[in-house]
Amino acid sequence: MTIQLESVRQFVDDDASVLSGLRRALRGKRVAWDMTFHNEPVAAYDAMRDDPPHVAVVDIRMPGMDGVELAKRIRSTLPSVQTIVLSGSTEFDAAISMINDGNIFRFYVKPCPVEQLIEG
């Protein structure tokens, strides 16, 4: 399955430097993609409910709501949203839980080449 090139993407990570790096790295996609960046998962989920993205790129380890819970909520309330995990965590159990319970489209470990995110 390929994610459509012209799409709305939402990035969720509690690390401001990661979000800043993604903004810079994906600058060239601004014409084709409508991108938003959130450092707080609950606020990101609320924004998704109001205006669902085509793709949500989420971190696993975040305060307030971790990426596993966020992916589960997305799956249950916004089934058309494709979720990609971009995480510094290489814990096998977390990855399996995300894939099985969160309906994850892709799982990438940080640092991830931006080309992988672009290709989906």
PDB file of N, CA and C in Angstrom:
ATOM      1  N   MET A   1       0.851  -1.176   0.000  1.00  0.00           N
ATOM      2  CA  MET A   1       0.000   0.000   0.000  1.00  0.00           C
ATOM      3  C   MET A   1       0.895   1.237   0.000  1.00  0.00           C
ATOM      4  N   THR A   2       0.585   2.173  -0.842  1.00  0.00           N
ATOM      5  CA  THR A   2       1.334   3.421  -0.905  1.00  0.00           C
ATOM      6  C   THR A   2       0.459   4.553  -0.391  1.00  0.00           C
ATOM      7  N   ILE A   3       1.036   5.407   0.401  1.00  0.00           N
ATOM      8  CA  ILE A   3       0.312   6.569   0.913  1.00  0.00           C
ATOM      9  C   ILE A   3       0.303   7.627  -0.178  1.00  0.00           C
ATOM     10  N   GLN A   4      -0.830   8.251  -0.384  1.00  0.00           N
ATOM     11  CA  GLN A   4      -0.917   9.260  -1.428  1.00  0.00           C
ATOM     12  C   GLN A   4       0.061  10.397  -1.166  1.00  0.00           C
ATOM     13  N   LEU A   5       0.652  10.888  -2.237  1.00  0.00           N
ATOM     14  CA  LEU A   5       1.670  11.919  -2.114  1.00  0.00           C
ATOM     15  C   LEU A   5       1.106  13.243  -1.633  1.00  0.00           C
ATOM     16  N   GLU A   6      -0.042  13.617  -2.127  1.00  0.00           N
ATOM     17  CA  GLU A   6      -0.623  14.887  -1.708  1.00  0.00           C
ATOM     18  C   GLU A   6      -1.522  14.594  -0.519  1.00  0.00           C
ATOM     19  N   SER A   7      -1.027  14.877   0.667  1.00  0.00           N
ATOM     20  CA  SER A   7      -1.773  14.479   1.845  1.00  0.00           C
ATOM     21  C   SER A   7      -1.506  15.391   3.027  1.00  0.00           C
ATOM     22  N   VAL A   8      -2.333  15.185   4.025  1.00  0.00           N
ATOM     23  CA  VAL A   8      -2.186  15.883   5.295  1.00  0.00           C
ATOM     24  C   VAL A   8      -1.420  14.959   6.218  1.00  0.00           C
ATOM     25  N   ARG A   9      -0.361  15.462   6.805  1.00  0.00           N
ATOM     26  CA  ARG A   9       0.461  14.662   7.721  1.00  0.00           C
ATOM     27  C   ARG A   9       0.599  15.391   9.042  1.00  0.00           C
ATOM     28  N   GLN A  10       0.481  14.628  10.102  1.00  0.00           N
ATOM     29  CA  GLN A  10       0.651  15.184  11.426  1.00  0.00           C
ATOM     30  C   GLN A  10       1.783  14.425  12.129  1.00  0.00           C
ATOM     31  N   PHE A  11       2.721  15.177  12.678  1.00  0.00           N
ATOM     32  CA  PHE A  11       3.879  14.618  13.360  1.00  0.00           C
ATOM     33  C   PHE A  11       3.737  14.885  14.852  1.00  0.00           C
ATOM     34  N   VAL A  12       3.930  13.836  15.672  1.00  0.00           N
ATOM     35  CA  VAL A  12       3.762  13.962  17.118  1.00  0.00           C
ATOM     36  C   VAL A  12       5.001  13.400  17.809  1.00  0.00           C
ATOM     37  N   ASP A  13       5.705  14.266  18.501  1.00  0.00           N
ATOM     38  CA  ASP A  13       6.902  13.872  19.248  1.00  0.00           C
ATOM     39  C   ASP A  13       7.121  14.884  20.358  1.00  0.00           C
ATOM     40  N   ASP A  14       7.424  14.415  21.555  1.00  0.00           N
ATOM     41  CA  ASP A  14       7.616  15.335  22.671  1.00  0.00           C
ATOM     42  C   ASP A  14       8.975  16.032  22.627  1.00  0.00           C
ATOM     43  N   ASP A  15       9.852  15.614  21.743  1.00  0.00           N
ATOM     44  CA  ASP A  15      11.185  16.210  21.629  1.00  0.00           C
ATOM     45  C   ASP A  15      11.152  17.319  20.570  1.00  0.00           C
ATOM     46  N   ALA A  16      11.260  18.563  21.025  1.00  0.00           N
ATOM     47  CA  ALA A  16      11.191  19.720  20.129  1.00  0.00           C
ATOM     48  C   ALA A  16      12.276  19.674  19.056  1.00  0.00           C
ATOM     49  N   SER A  17      13.447  19.144  19.388  1.00  0.00           N
ATOM     50  CA  SER A  17      14.527  19.095  18.396  1.00  0.00           C
ATOM     51  C   SER A  17      14.202  18.101  17.286  1.00  0.00           C
ATOM     52  N   VAL A  18      13.490  17.034  17.596  1.00  0.00           N
ATOM     53  CA  VAL A  18      13.080  16.074  16.567  1.00  0.00           C
ATOM     54  C   VAL A  18      12.079  16.739  15.624  1.00  0.00           C
ATOM     55  N   LEU A  19      11.090  17.427  16.196  1.00  0.00           N
ATOM     56  CA  LEU A  19      10.097  18.113  15.369  1.00  0.00           C
ATOM     57  C   LEU A  19      10.743  19.185  14.493  1.00  0.00           C
ATOM     58  N   SER A  20      11.681  19.921  15.059  1.00  0.00           N
ATOM     59  CA  SER A  20      12.386  20.951  14.302  1.00  0.00           C
ATOM     60  C   SER A  20      13.174  20.322  13.147  1.00  0.00           C
ATOM     61  N   GLY A  21      13.830  19.218  13.428  1.00  0.00           N
ATOM     62  CA  GLY A  21      14.583  18.518  12.391  1.00  0.00           C
ATOM     63  C   GLY A  21      13.680  18.002  11.281  1.00  0.00           C
ATOM     64  N   LEU A  22      12.499  17.496  11.655  1.00  0.00           N
ATOM     65  CA  LEU A  22      11.546  17.030  10.647  1.00  0.00           C
ATOM     66  C   LEU A  22      11.058  18.184   9.779  1.00  0.00           C
ATOM     67  N   ARG A  23      10.764  19.314  10.416  1.00  0.00           N
ATOM     68  CA  ARG A  23      10.330  20.497   9.650  1.00  0.00           C
ATOM     69  C   ARG A  23      11.369  20.873   8.597  1.00  0.00           C
ATOM     70  N   ARG A  24      12.627  20.910   9.033  1.00  0.00           N
ATOM     71  CA  ARG A  24      13.711  21.279   8.106  1.00  0.00           C
ATOM     72  C   ARG A  24      13.873  20.231   7.007  1.00  0.00           C
ATOM     73  N   ALA A  25      13.891  18.967   7.396  1.00  0.00           N
ATOM     74  CA  ALA A  25      14.133  17.894   6.435  1.00  0.00           C
ATOM     75  C   ALA A  25      13.006  17.752   5.412  1.00  0.00           C
ATOM     76  N   LEU A  26      11.796  18.093   5.814  1.00  0.00           N
ATOM     77  CA  LEU A  26      10.638  17.935   4.931  1.00  0.00           C
ATOM     78  C   LEU A  26      10.205  19.238   4.253  1.00  0.00           C
ATOM     79  N   ARG A  27      11.043  20.237   4.346  1.00  0.00           N
ATOM     80  CA  ARG A  27      10.745  21.542   3.743  1.00  0.00           C
ATOM     81  C   ARG A  27      10.301  21.431   2.286  1.00  0.00           C
ATOM     82  N   GLY A  28      10.945  20.577   1.540  1.00  0.00           N
ATOM     83  CA  GLY A  28      10.641  20.419   0.123  1.00  0.00           C
ATOM     84  C   GLY A  28       9.273  19.814  -0.154  1.00  0.00           C
ATOM     85  N   LYS A  29       8.645  19.228   0.854  1.00  0.00           N
ATOM     86  CA  LYS A  29       7.327  18.604   0.671  1.00  0.00           C
ATOM     87  C   LYS A  29       6.184  19.553   1.006  1.00  0.00           C
ATOM     88  N   ARG A  30       6.505  20.790   1.412  1.00  0.00           N
ATOM     89  CA  ARG A  30       5.443  21.734   1.822  1.00  0.00           C
ATOM     90  C   ARG A  30       4.434  22.016   0.724  1.00  0.00           C
ATOM     91  N   VAL A  31       4.834  21.936  -0.524  1.00  0.00           N
ATOM     92  CA  VAL A  31       3.907  22.190  -1.625  1.00  0.00           C
ATOM     93  C   VAL A  31       2.877  21.056  -1.730  1.00  0.00           C
ATOM     94  N   ALA A  32       3.327  19.814  -1.547  1.00  0.00           N
ATOM     95  CA  ALA A  32       2.455  18.651  -1.715  1.00  0.00           C
ATOM     96  C   ALA A  32       1.766  18.219  -0.424  1.00  0.00           C
ATOM     97  N   TRP A  33       2.383  18.488   0.718  1.00  0.00           N
ATOM     98  CA  TRP A  33       1.846  18.017   1.992  1.00  0.00           C
ATOM     99  C   TRP A  33       1.426  19.182   2.867  1.00  0.00           C
ATOM    100  N   ASP A  34       0.303  19.024   3.530  1.00  0.00           N
ATOM    101  CA  ASP A  34      -0.118  19.944   4.581  1.00  0.00           C
ATOM    102  C   ASP A  34       0.352  19.300   5.885  1.00  0.00           C
ATOM    103  N   MET A  35       1.365  19.887   6.526  1.00  0.00           N
ATOM    104  CA  MET A  35       1.979  19.274   7.703  1.00  0.00           C
ATOM    105  C   MET A  35       1.734  20.091   8.958  1.00  0.00           C
ATOM    106  N   THR A  36       1.456  19.380  10.051  1.00  0.00           N
ATOM    107  CA  THR A  36       1.396  20.002  11.370  1.00  0.00           C
ATOM    108  C   THR A  36       2.291  19.207  12.306  1.00  0.00           C
ATOM    109  N   PHE A  37       2.805  19.901  13.314  1.00  0.00           N
ATOM    110  CA  PHE A  37       3.757  19.313  14.246  1.00  0.00           C
ATOM    111  C   PHE A  37       3.275  19.573  15.669  1.00  0.00           C
ATOM    112  N   HIS A  38       3.174  18.519  16.457  1.00  0.00           N
ATOM    113  CA  HIS A  38       2.693  18.638  17.839  1.00  0.00           C
ATOM    114  C   HIS A  38       3.698  17.989  18.792  1.00  0.00           C
ATOM    115  N   ASN A  39       3.942  18.662  19.909  1.00  0.00           N
ATOM    116  CA  ASN A  39       4.838  18.075  20.907  1.00  0.00           C
ATOM    117  C   ASN A  39       4.065  17.516  22.099  1.00  0.00           C
ATOM    118  N   GLU A  40       2.747  17.516  22.022  1.00  0.00           N
ATOM    119  CA  GLU A  40       1.904  17.028  23.110  1.00  0.00           C
ATOM    120  C   GLU A  40       0.858  16.088  22.513  1.00  0.00           C
ATOM    121  N   PRO A  41       0.914  14.794  22.856  1.00  0.00           N
ATOM    122  CA  PRO A  41       0.053  13.814  22.195  1.00  0.00           C
ATOM    123  C   PRO A  41      -1.451  14.013  22.399  1.00  0.00           C
ATOM    124  N   VAL A  42      -1.889  14.468  23.554  1.00  0.00           N
ATOM    125  CA  VAL A  42      -3.323  14.668  23.778  1.00  0.00           C
ATOM    126  C   VAL A  42      -3.839  15.783  22.867  1.00  0.00           C
ATOM    127  N   ALA A  43      -3.106  16.885  22.794  1.00  0.00           N
ATOM    128  CA  ALA A  43      -3.492  17.982  21.902  1.00  0.00           C
ATOM    129  C   ALA A  43      -3.459  17.531  20.447  1.00  0.00           C
ATOM    130  N   ALA A  44      -2.483  16.705  20.094  1.00  0.00           N
ATOM    131  CA  ALA A  44      -2.394  16.185  18.726  1.00  0.00           C
ATOM    132  C   ALA A  44      -3.614  15.335  18.398  1.00  0.00           C
ATOM    133  N   TYR A  45      -4.002  14.471  19.320  1.00  0.00           N
ATOM    134  CA  TYR A  45      -5.177  13.628  19.096  1.00  0.00           C
ATOM    135  C   TYR A  45      -6.443  14.475  18.952  1.00  0.00           C
ATOM    136  N   ASP A  46      -6.592  15.482  19.798  1.00  0.00           N
ATOM    137  CA  ASP A  46      -7.752  16.372  19.693  1.00  0.00           C
ATOM    138  C   ASP A  46      -7.787  17.047  18.324  1.00  0.00           C
ATOM    139  N   ALA A  47      -6.628  17.485  17.843  1.00  0.00           N
ATOM    140  CA  ALA A  47      -6.552  18.125  16.526  1.00  0.00           C
ATOM    141  C   ALA A  47      -6.897  17.124  15.422  1.00  0.00           C
ATOM    142  N   MET A  48      -6.468  15.879  15.578  1.00  0.00           N
ATOM    143  CA  MET A  48      -6.780  14.846  14.590  1.00  0.00           C
ATOM    144  C   MET A  48      -8.273  14.569  14.525  1.00  0.00           C
ATOM    145  N   ARG A  49      -8.918  14.560  15.674  1.00  0.00           N
ATOM    146  CA  ARG A  49     -10.370  14.316  15.690  1.00  0.00           C
ATOM    147  C   ARG A  49     -11.109  15.437  14.969  1.00  0.00           C
ATOM    148  N   ASP A  50     -10.637  16.666  15.135  1.00  0.00           N
ATOM    149  CA  ASP A  50     -11.280  17.813  14.493  1.00  0.00           C
ATOM    150  C   ASP A  50     -11.010  17.872  12.987  1.00  0.00           C
ATOM    151  N   ASP A  51      -9.808  17.464  12.592  1.00  0.00           N
ATOM    152  CA  ASP A  51      -9.399  17.525  11.186  1.00  0.00           C
ATOM    153  C   ASP A  51      -8.449  16.355  10.916  1.00  0.00           C
ATOM    154  N   PRO A  52      -8.988  15.171  10.631  1.00  0.00           N
ATOM    155  CA  PRO A  52      -8.141  13.973  10.497  1.00  0.00           C
ATOM    156  C   PRO A  52      -7.099  14.096   9.383  1.00  0.00           C
ATOM    157  N   PRO A  53      -5.868  13.752   9.698  1.00  0.00           N
ATOM    158  CA  PRO A  53      -4.830  13.725   8.673  1.00  0.00           C
ATOM    159  C   PRO A  53      -4.928  12.423   7.874  1.00  0.00           C
ATOM    160  N   HIS A  54      -4.229  12.347   6.773  1.00  0.00           N
ATOM    161  CA  HIS A  54      -4.118  11.086   6.049  1.00  0.00           C
ATOM    162  C   HIS A  54      -3.118  10.185   6.770  1.00  0.00           C
ATOM    163  N   VAL A  55      -2.069  10.820   7.334  1.00  0.00           N
ATOM    164  CA  VAL A  55      -0.984  10.082   7.971  1.00  0.00           C
ATOM    165  C   VAL A  55      -0.625  10.743   9.301  1.00  0.00           C
ATOM    166  N   ALA A  56      -0.436   9.917  10.334  1.00  0.00           N
ATOM    167  CA  ALA A  56       0.063  10.399  11.621  1.00  0.00           C
ATOM    168  C   ALA A  56       1.399   9.707  11.886  1.00  0.00           C
ATOM    169  N   VAL A  57       2.431  10.499  12.115  1.00  0.00           N
ATOM    170  CA  VAL A  57       3.761   9.974  12.442  1.00  0.00           C
ATOM    171  C   VAL A  57       3.964  10.246  13.917  1.00  0.00           C
ATOM    172  N   VAL A  58       4.084   9.175  14.722  1.00  0.00           N
ATOM    173  CA  VAL A  58       4.114   9.331  16.174  1.00  0.00           C
ATOM    174  C   VAL A  58       5.339   8.665  16.797  1.00  0.00           C
ATOM    175  N   ASP A  59       5.758   9.232  17.909  1.00  0.00           N
ATOM    176  CA  ASP A  59       6.813   8.668  18.740  1.00  0.00           C
ATOM    177  C   ASP A  59       6.154   7.692  19.712  1.00  0.00           C
ATOM    178  N   ILE A  60       6.930   6.779  20.304  1.00  0.00           N
ATOM    179  CA  ILE A  60       6.374   5.844  21.294  1.00  0.00           C
ATOM    180  C   ILE A  60       6.390   6.457  22.679  1.00  0.00           C
ATOM    181  N   ARG A  61       7.539   6.907  23.112  1.00  0.00           N
ATOM    182  CA  ARG A  61       7.690   7.360  24.497  1.00  0.00           C
ATOM    183  C   ARG A  61       7.409   8.862  24.593  1.00  0.00           C
ATOM    184  N   MET A  62       6.216   9.170  25.128  1.00  0.00           N
ATOM    185  CA  MET A  62       5.820  10.562  25.318  1.00  0.00           C
ATOM    186  C   MET A  62       5.049  10.663  26.626  1.00  0.00           C
ATOM    187  N   PRO A  63       5.157  11.791  27.308  1.00  0.00           N
ATOM    188  CA  PRO A  63       4.410  11.955  28.563  1.00  0.00           C
ATOM    189  C   PRO A  63       2.928  12.235  28.298  1.00  0.00           C
ATOM    190  N   GLY A  64       2.103  11.857  29.241  1.00  0.00           N
ATOM    191  CA  GLY A  64       0.665  12.118  29.127  1.00  0.00           C
ATOM    192  C   GLY A  64      -0.065  11.012  28.411  1.00  0.00           C
ATOM    193  N   MET A  65       0.380  10.672  27.228  1.00  0.00           N
ATOM    194  CA  MET A  65      -0.171   9.572  26.450  1.00  0.00           C
ATOM    195  C   MET A  65       0.971   9.039  25.583  1.00  0.00           C
ATOM    196  N   ASP A  66       1.311   7.777  25.751  1.00  0.00           N
ATOM    197  CA  ASP A  66       2.402   7.258  24.933  1.00  0.00           C
ATOM    198  C   ASP A  66       1.896   6.942  23.525  1.00  0.00           C
ATOM    199  N   GLY A  67       2.823   6.655  22.645  1.00  0.00           N
ATOM    200  CA  GLY A  67       2.479   6.404  21.256  1.00  0.00           C
ATOM    201  C   GLY A  67       1.618   5.177  21.049  1.00  0.00           C
ATOM    202  N   VAL A  68       1.760   4.166  21.916  1.00  0.00           N
ATOM    203  CA  VAL A  68       0.922   2.974  21.815  1.00  0.00           C
ATOM    204  C   VAL A  68      -0.536   3.353  22.026  1.00  0.00           C
ATOM    205  N   GLU A  69      -0.809   4.113  23.085  1.00  0.00           N
ATOM    206  CA  GLU A  69      -2.176   4.549  23.375  1.00  0.00           C
ATOM    207  C   GLU A  69      -2.694   5.471  22.279  1.00  0.00           C
ATOM    208  N   LEU A  70      -1.858   6.375  21.803  1.00  0.00           N
ATOM    209  CA  LEU A  70      -2.262   7.283  20.734  1.00  0.00           C
ATOM    210  C   LEU A  70      -2.642   6.493  19.482  1.00  0.00           C
ATOM    211  N   ALA A  71      -1.820   5.528  19.113  1.00  0.00           N
ATOM    212  CA  ALA A  71      -2.113   4.709  17.927  1.00  0.00           C
ATOM    213  C   ALA A  71      -3.414   3.924  18.102  1.00  0.00           C
ATOM    214  N   LYS A  72      -3.660   3.408  19.294  1.00  0.00           N
ATOM    215  CA  LYS A  72      -4.905   2.678  19.557  1.00  0.00           C
ATOM    216  C   LYS A  72      -6.109   3.599  19.413  1.00  0.00           C
ATOM    217  N   ARG A  73      -6.007   4.809  19.943  1.00  0.00           N
ATOM    218  CA  ARG A  73      -7.114   5.768  19.824  1.00  0.00           C
ATOM    219  C   ARG A  73      -7.358   6.150  18.365  1.00  0.00           C
ATOM    220  N   ILE A  74      -6.271   6.362  17.643  1.00  0.00           N
ATOM    221  CA  ILE A  74      -6.410   6.689  16.221  1.00  0.00           C
ATOM    222  C   ILE A  74      -7.116   5.544  15.507  1.00  0.00           C
ATOM    223  N   ARG A  75      -6.678   4.332  15.780  1.00  0.00           N
ATOM    224  CA  ARG A  75      -7.269   3.165  15.123  1.00  0.00           C
ATOM    225  C   ARG A  75      -8.759   3.044  15.421  1.00  0.00           C
ATOM    226  N   SER A  76      -9.139   3.267  16.679  1.00  0.00           N
ATOM    227  CA  SER A  76     -10.537   3.047  17.052  1.00  0.00           C
ATOM    228  C   SER A  76     -11.471   4.176  16.606  1.00  0.00           C
ATOM    229  N   THR A  77     -10.973   5.399  16.531  1.00  0.00           N
ATOM    230  CA  THR A  77     -11.864   6.517  16.200  1.00  0.00           C
ATOM    231  C   THR A  77     -11.631   7.129  14.820  1.00  0.00           C
ATOM    232  N   LEU A  78     -10.444   6.896  14.273  1.00  0.00           N
ATOM    233  CA  LEU A  78     -10.083   7.474  12.973  1.00  0.00           C
ATOM    234  C   LEU A  78      -9.461   6.388  12.090  1.00  0.00           C
ATOM    235  N   PRO A  79     -10.232   5.363  11.737  1.00  0.00           N
ATOM    236  CA  PRO A  79      -9.653   4.205  11.042  1.00  0.00           C
ATOM    237  C   PRO A  79      -9.039   4.504   9.675  1.00  0.00           C
ATOM    238  N   SER A  80      -9.368   5.624   9.068  1.00  0.00           N
ATOM    239  CA  SER A  80      -8.790   5.943   7.758  1.00  0.00           C
ATOM    240  C   SER A  80      -7.386   6.540   7.861  1.00  0.00           C
ATOM    241  N   VAL A  81      -6.959   6.904   9.073  1.00  0.00           N
ATOM    242  CA  VAL A  81      -5.640   7.515   9.269  1.00  0.00           C
ATOM    243  C   VAL A  81      -4.573   6.419   9.309  1.00  0.00           C
ATOM    244  N   GLN A  82      -3.572   6.547   8.446  1.00  0.00           N
ATOM    245  CA  GLN A  82      -2.429   5.638   8.471  1.00  0.00           C
ATOM    246  C   GLN A  82      -1.459   6.126   9.542  1.00  0.00           C
ATOM    247  N   THR A  83      -0.990   5.218  10.390  1.00  0.00           N
ATOM    248  CA  THR A  83      -0.063   5.598  11.455  1.00  0.00           C
ATOM    249  C   THR A  83       1.313   5.017  11.184  1.00  0.00           C
ATOM    250  N   ILE A  84       2.303   5.887  11.279  1.00  0.00           N
ATOM    251  CA  ILE A  84       3.704   5.503  11.153  1.00  0.00           C
ATOM    252  C   ILE A  84       4.370   5.828  12.479  1.00  0.00           C
ATOM    253  N   VAL A  85       5.149   4.891  13.000  1.00  0.00           N
ATOM    254  CA  VAL A  85       5.889   5.124  14.236  1.00  0.00           C
ATOM    255  C   VAL A  85       7.316   5.503  13.877  1.00  0.00           C
ATOM    256  N   LEU A  86       7.781   6.569  14.481  1.00  0.00           N
ATOM    257  CA  LEU A  86       9.161   7.024  14.346  1.00  0.00           C
ATOM    258  C   LEU A  86       9.674   7.137  15.765  1.00  0.00           C
ATOM    259  N   SER A  87      10.451   6.147  16.198  1.00  0.00           N
ATOM    260  CA  SER A  87      10.812   6.098  17.610  1.00  0.00           C
ATOM    261  C   SER A  87      12.280   5.795  17.840  1.00  0.00           C
ATOM    262  N   GLY A  88      12.791   6.351  18.922  1.00  0.00           N
ATOM    263  CA  GLY A  88      14.143   6.045  19.365  1.00  0.00           C
ATOM    264  C   GLY A  88      14.183   4.739  20.129  1.00  0.00           C
ATOM    265  N   SER A  89      13.021   4.201  20.442  1.00  0.00           N
ATOM    266  CA  SER A  89      12.922   2.958  21.199  1.00  0.00           C
ATOM    267  C   SER A  89      13.065   1.772  20.266  1.00  0.00           C
ATOM    268  N   THR A  90      13.951   0.869  20.610  1.00  0.00           N
ATOM    269  CA  THR A  90      14.115  -0.353  19.820  1.00  0.00           C
ATOM    270  C   THR A  90      13.590  -1.556  20.592  1.00  0.00           C
ATOM    271  N   GLU A  91      12.751  -1.295  21.582  1.00  0.00           N
ATOM    272  CA  GLU A  91      12.191  -2.383  22.372  1.00  0.00           C
ATOM    273  C   GLU A  91      11.242  -3.205  21.511  1.00  0.00           C
ATOM    274  N   PHE A  92      11.559  -4.478  21.379  1.00  0.00           N
ATOM    275  CA  PHE A  92      10.798  -5.366  20.526  1.00  0.00           C
ATOM    276  C   PHE A  92       9.340  -5.467  20.957  1.00  0.00           C
ATOM    277  N   ASP A  93       9.083  -5.576  22.267  1.00  0.00           N
ATOM    278  CA  ASP A  93       7.704  -5.712  22.761  1.00  0.00           C
ATOM    279  C   ASP A  93       6.861  -4.491  22.418  1.00  0.00           C
ATOM    280  N   ALA A  94       7.436  -3.308  22.545  1.00  0.00           N
ATOM    281  CA  ALA A  94       6.707  -2.084  22.209  1.00  0.00           C
ATOM    282  C   ALA A  94       6.390  -2.056  20.719  1.00  0.00           C
ATOM    283  N   ALA A  95       7.338  -2.448  19.898  1.00  0.00           N
ATOM    284  CA  ALA A  95       7.122  -2.453  18.449  1.00  0.00           C
ATOM    285  C   ALA A  95       6.013  -3.439  18.078  1.00  0.00           C
ATOM    286  N   ILE A  96       6.039  -4.629  18.644  1.00  0.00           N
ATOM    287  CA  ILE A  96       5.009  -5.631  18.348  1.00  0.00           C
ATOM    288  C   ILE A  96       3.647  -5.145  18.806  1.00  0.00           C
ATOM    289  N   SER A  97       3.573  -4.544  19.993  1.00  0.00           N
ATOM    290  CA  SER A  97       2.307  -4.014  20.496  1.00  0.00           C
ATOM    291  C   SER A  97       1.770  -2.942  19.571  1.00  0.00           C
ATOM    292  N   MET A  98       2.640  -2.066  19.109  1.00  0.00           N
ATOM    293  CA  MET A  98       2.215  -0.990  18.214  1.00  0.00           C
ATOM    294  C   MET A  98       1.681  -1.569  16.903  1.00  0.00           C
ATOM    295  N   ILE A  99       2.377  -2.544  16.372  1.00  0.00           N
ATOM    296  CA  ILE A  99       1.976  -3.125  15.088  1.00  0.00           C
ATOM    297  C   ILE A  99       0.662  -3.896  15.223  1.00  0.00           C
ATOM    298  N   ASN A 100       0.552  -4.702  16.273  1.00  0.00           N
ATOM    299  CA  ASN A 100      -0.639  -5.530  16.444  1.00  0.00           C
ATOM    300  C   ASN A 100      -1.848  -4.758  16.950  1.00  0.00           C
ATOM    301  N   ASP A 101      -1.649  -3.919  17.949  1.00  0.00           N
ATOM    302  CA  ASP A 101      -2.777  -3.246  18.595  1.00  0.00           C
ATOM    303  C   ASP A 101      -3.071  -1.869  18.025  1.00  0.00           C
ATOM    304  N   GLY A 102      -2.087  -1.250  17.433  1.00  0.00           N
ATOM    305  CA  GLY A 102      -2.266   0.119  16.962  1.00  0.00           C
ATOM    306  C   GLY A 102      -2.467   0.249  15.470  1.00  0.00           C
ATOM    307  N   ASN A 103      -2.497  -0.898  14.767  1.00  0.00           N
ATOM    308  CA  ASN A 103      -2.703  -0.868  13.325  1.00  0.00           C
ATOM    309  C   ASN A 103      -1.677   0.030  12.644  1.00  0.00           C
ATOM    310  N   ILE A 104      -0.422  -0.234  12.908  1.00  0.00           N
ATOM    311  CA  ILE A 104       0.679   0.584  12.403  1.00  0.00           C
ATOM    312  C   ILE A 104       0.999   0.229  10.954  1.00  0.00           C
ATOM    313  N   PHE A 105       1.136   1.257  10.140  1.00  0.00           N
ATOM    314  CA  PHE A 105       1.483   1.076   8.734  1.00  0.00           C
ATOM    315  C   PHE A 105       2.981   0.800   8.575  1.00  0.00           C
ATOM    316  N   ARG A 106       3.804   1.555   9.286  1.00  0.00           N
ATOM    317  CA  ARG A 106       5.263   1.386   9.264  1.00  0.00           C
ATOM    318  C   ARG A 106       5.828   1.684  10.654  1.00  0.00           C
ATOM    319  N   PHE A 107       7.003   1.099  10.938  1.00  0.00           N
ATOM    320  CA  PHE A 107       7.709   1.352  12.189  1.00  0.00           C
ATOM    321  C   PHE A 107       9.153   1.655  11.823  1.00  0.00           C
ATOM    322  N   TYR A 108       9.605   2.881  12.104  1.00  0.00           N
ATOM    323  CA  TYR A 108      10.971   3.288  11.816  1.00  0.00           C
ATOM    324  C   TYR A 108      11.671   3.672  13.116  1.00  0.00           C
ATOM    325  N   VAL A 109      12.963   3.355  13.181  1.00  0.00           N
ATOM    326  CA  VAL A 109      13.771   3.689  14.349  1.00  0.00           C
ATOM    327  C   VAL A 109      14.571   4.947  14.040  1.00  0.00           C
ATOM    328  N   LYS A 110      14.576   5.881  15.015  1.00  0.00           N
ATOM    329  CA  LYS A 110      15.369   7.112  14.887  1.00  0.00           C
ATOM    330  C   LYS A 110      16.841   6.768  15.033  1.00  0.00           C
ATOM    331  N   PRO A 111      17.713   7.423  14.348  1.00  0.00           N
ATOM    332  CA  PRO A 111      17.425   8.377  13.283  1.00  0.00           C
ATOM    333  C   PRO A 111      17.001   7.629  12.024  1.00  0.00           C
ATOM    334  N   CYS A 112      16.033   8.175  11.359  1.00  0.00           N
ATOM    335  CA  CYS A 112      15.451   7.570  10.162  1.00  0.00           C
ATOM    336  C   CYS A 112      15.743   8.479   8.972  1.00  0.00           C
ATOM    337  N   PRO A 113      16.263   7.924   7.893  1.00  0.00           N
ATOM    338  CA  PRO A 113      16.461   8.766   6.712  1.00  0.00           C
ATOM    339  C   PRO A 113      15.128   9.368   6.266  1.00  0.00           C
ATOM    340  N   VAL A 114      15.125  10.638   5.972  1.00  0.00           N
ATOM    341  CA  VAL A 114      13.902  11.337   5.601  1.00  0.00           C
ATOM    342  C   VAL A 114      13.264  10.707   4.366  1.00  0.00           C
ATOM    343  N   GLU A 115      14.065  10.103   3.514  1.00  0.00           N
ATOM    344  CA  GLU A 115      13.527   9.463   2.320  1.00  0.00           C
ATOM    345  C   GLU A 115      12.542   8.352   2.682  1.00  0.00           C
ATOM    346  N   GLN A 116      12.804   7.631   3.787  1.00  0.00           N
ATOM    347  CA  GLN A 116      11.878   6.582   4.222  1.00  0.00           C
ATOM    348  C   GLN A 116      10.534   7.183   4.617  1.00  0.00           C
ATOM    349  N   LEU A 117      10.546   8.307   5.299  1.00  0.00           N
ATOM    350  CA  LEU A 117       9.284   8.952   5.668  1.00  0.00           C
ATOM    351  C   LEU A 117       8.546   9.470   4.443  1.00  0.00           C
ATOM    352  N   ILE A 118       9.271   9.962   3.486  1.00  0.00           N
ATOM    353  CA  ILE A 118       8.654  10.483   2.274  1.00  0.00           C
ATOM    354  C   ILE A 118       8.009   9.356   1.470  1.00  0.00           C
ATOM    355  N   GLU A 119       8.688   8.222   1.402  1.00  0.00           N
ATOM    356  CA  GLU A 119       8.157   7.091   0.664  1.00  0.00           C
ATOM    357  C   GLU A 119       6.987   6.445   1.380  1.00  0.00           C
ATOM    358  N   GLY A 120       6.931   6.611   2.722  1.00  0.00           N
ATOM    359  CA  GLY A 120       5.832   6.039   3.496  1.00  0.00           C
ATOM    360  C   GLY A 120       6.063   4.606   3.674  1.00  0.00           C
TER     361      GLY A 120
END
